[in-house]
C-alpha atoms as a PDB file:
ATOM      1  CA  MET A   1      73.752 -37.779  13.914  1.00  0.00           C
ATOM      2  CA  ARG A   2      75.026 -38.468  17.364  1.00  0.00           C
ATOM      3  CA  LYS A   3      78.017 -40.351  15.779  1.00  0.00           C
ATOM      4  CA  ARG A   4      79.252 -37.070  14.458  1.00  0.00           C
ATOM      5  CA  PHE A   5      79.255 -35.572  17.980  1.00  0.00           C
ATOM      6  CA  GLU A   6      80.876 -38.702  19.407  1.00  0.00           C
ATOM      7  CA  ASP A   7      83.652 -38.498  16.759  1.00  0.00           C
ATOM      8  CA  ILE A   8      84.389 -34.891  17.777  1.00  0.00           C
ATOM      9  CA  ILE A   9      84.480 -35.742  21.537  1.00  0.00           C
ATOM     10  CA  THR A  10      86.715 -38.748  20.823  1.00  0.00           C
ATOM     11  CA  LYS A  11      89.109 -36.556  18.913  1.00  0.00           C
ATOM     12  CA  TRP A  12      89.060 -33.963  21.721  1.00  0.00           C
ATOM     13  CA  PHE A  13      89.645 -36.596  24.439  1.00  0.00           C
ATOM     14  CA  LEU A  14      93.439 -36.322  24.113  1.00  0.00           C
ATOM     15  CA  THR A  15      93.764 -32.829  22.564  1.00  0.00           C
ATOM     16  CA  GLU A  16      91.101 -30.867  24.437  1.00  0.00           C
ATOM     17  CA  PRO A  17      90.431 -32.536  27.754  1.00  0.00           C
ATOM     18  CA  ALA A  18      88.909 -29.416  29.303  1.00  0.00           C
ATOM     19  CA  LEU A  19      86.264 -29.239  26.561  1.00  0.00           C
ATOM     20  CA  VAL A  20      85.406 -32.929  27.028  1.00  0.00           C
ATOM     21  CA  GLU A  21      85.028 -32.415  30.767  1.00  0.00           C
ATOM     22  CA  ILE A  22      82.595 -29.525  30.212  1.00  0.00           C
ATOM     23  CA  TYR A  23      80.694 -31.442  27.502  1.00  0.00           C
ATOM     24  CA  MET A  24      80.221 -34.397  29.955  1.00  0.00           C
ATOM     25  CA  THR A  25      78.402 -32.144  32.428  1.00  0.00           C
ATOM     26  CA  HIS A  26      75.569 -31.491  29.902  1.00  0.00           C
ATOM     27  CA  SER A  27      73.134 -33.671  27.972  1.00  0.00           C
ATOM     28  CA  LEU A  28      73.097 -33.534  24.191  1.00  0.00           C
ATOM     29  CA  GLU A  29      69.505 -33.236  22.911  1.00  0.00           C
ATOM     30  CA  GLU A  30      67.768 -32.820  19.569  1.00  0.00           C
ATOM     31  CA  ASN A  31      65.491 -29.782  19.232  1.00  0.00           C
ATOM     32  CA  LYS A  32      63.926 -29.464  15.786  1.00  0.00           C
ATOM     33  CA  SER A  33      62.269 -26.186  16.737  1.00  0.00           C
ATOM     34  CA  LEU A  34      65.598 -24.296  16.990  1.00  0.00           C
ATOM     35  CA  SER A  35      66.123 -21.687  14.377  1.00  0.00           C
ATOM     36  CA  CYS A  36      69.916 -21.880  14.957  1.00  0.00           C
ATOM     37  CA  VAL A  37      72.236 -24.858  14.729  1.00  0.00           C
ATOM     38  CA  MET A  38      72.989 -25.198  18.405  1.00  0.00           C
ATOM     39  CA  ARG A  39      72.413 -23.573  21.790  1.00  0.00           C
ATOM     40  CA  CYS A  40      73.209 -24.374  25.398  1.00  0.00           C
ATOM     41  CA  GLY A  41      71.641 -23.804  28.715  1.00  0.00           C
ATOM     42  CA  LYS A  42      69.773 -25.432  31.570  1.00  0.00           C
ATOM     43  CA  GLY A  43      72.182 -28.408  31.579  1.00  0.00           C
ATOM     44  CA  ARG A  44      71.688 -29.130  27.906  1.00  0.00           C
ATOM     45  CA  ILE A  45      73.408 -28.664  24.576  1.00  0.00           C
ATOM     46  CA  GLU A  46      70.563 -28.595  22.091  1.00  0.00           C
ATOM     47  CA  TYR A  47      70.960 -28.923  18.334  1.00  0.00           C
ATOM     48  CA  ASN A  48      68.717 -28.834  15.346  1.00  0.00           C
ATOM     49  CA  PRO A  49      69.300 -32.092  13.408  1.00  0.00           C
ATOM     50  CA  ASN A  50      67.909 -30.627  10.151  1.00  0.00           C
ATOM     51  CA  LEU A  51      70.436 -27.776  10.215  1.00  0.00           C
ATOM     52  CA  VAL A  52      73.360 -29.969  11.447  1.00  0.00           C
ATOM     53  CA  ALA A  53      72.842 -32.297   8.530  1.00  0.00           C
ATOM     54  CA  HIS A  54      73.776 -29.529   6.154  1.00  0.00           C
ATOM     55  CA  ILE A  55      77.069 -28.458   7.658  1.00  0.00           C
ATOM     56  CA  SER A  56      80.489 -30.048   7.472  1.00  0.00           C
ATOM     57  CA  ASP A  57      82.125 -31.916  10.395  1.00  0.00           C
ATOM     58  CA  ASP A  58      84.583 -29.047  10.761  1.00  0.00           C
ATOM     59  CA  LYS A  59      81.831 -26.520  11.133  1.00  0.00           C
ATOM     60  CA  LEU A  60      79.960 -28.735  13.505  1.00  0.00           C
ATOM     61  CA  GLU A  61      83.052 -28.943  15.609  1.00  0.00           C
ATOM     62  CA  LEU A  62      83.331 -25.161  15.723  1.00  0.00           C
ATOM     63  CA  PHE A  63      79.703 -24.777  16.708  1.00  0.00           C
ATOM     64  CA  LEU A  64      80.147 -27.320  19.491  1.00  0.00           C
ATOM     65  CA  LYS A  65      83.371 -25.692  20.695  1.00  0.00           C
ATOM     66  CA  THR A  66      81.651 -22.337  20.742  1.00  0.00           C
ATOM     67  CA  GLU A  67      78.771 -23.593  22.847  1.00  0.00           C
ATOM     68  CA  ILE A  68      81.152 -25.330  25.313  1.00  0.00           C
ATOM     69  CA  ILE A  69      83.121 -22.113  25.676  1.00  0.00           C
ATOM     70  CA  ARG A  70      79.807 -20.274  26.382  1.00  0.00           C
ATOM     71  CA  ILE A  71      79.177 -22.795  29.154  1.00  0.00           C
ATOM     72  CA  LEU A  72      82.653 -22.272  30.549  1.00  0.00           C
ATOM     73  CA  LEU A  73      82.102 -18.501  30.523  1.00  0.00           C
ATOM     74  CA  LYS A  74      78.556 -18.937  31.999  1.00  0.00           C
ATOM     75  CA  HIS A  75      76.918 -17.342  28.938  1.00  0.00           C
ATOM     76  CA  PRO A  76      74.169 -19.856  28.033  1.00  0.00           C
ATOM     77  CA  TYR A  77      70.795 -18.629  26.957  1.00  0.00           C
ATOM     78  CA  ASP A  78      68.188 -17.725  29.556  1.00  0.00           C
END
């Protein structure tokens, strides 16, 4: 599962360095109790591995990009 995230970050390294920099400030953690695919807050980007397993790499990239933009805008969950 983490390999999918690593592949996205590797791809972004040259094309989206700002997203990589923000990603590096947070820890990526599994959370099987989430009812959504992904959320961010409290220094973490949490994902539900059961839900992530059923989405394409392109959709996973969009979810991750959305969460990183939420971090940038200071809109993580409370």
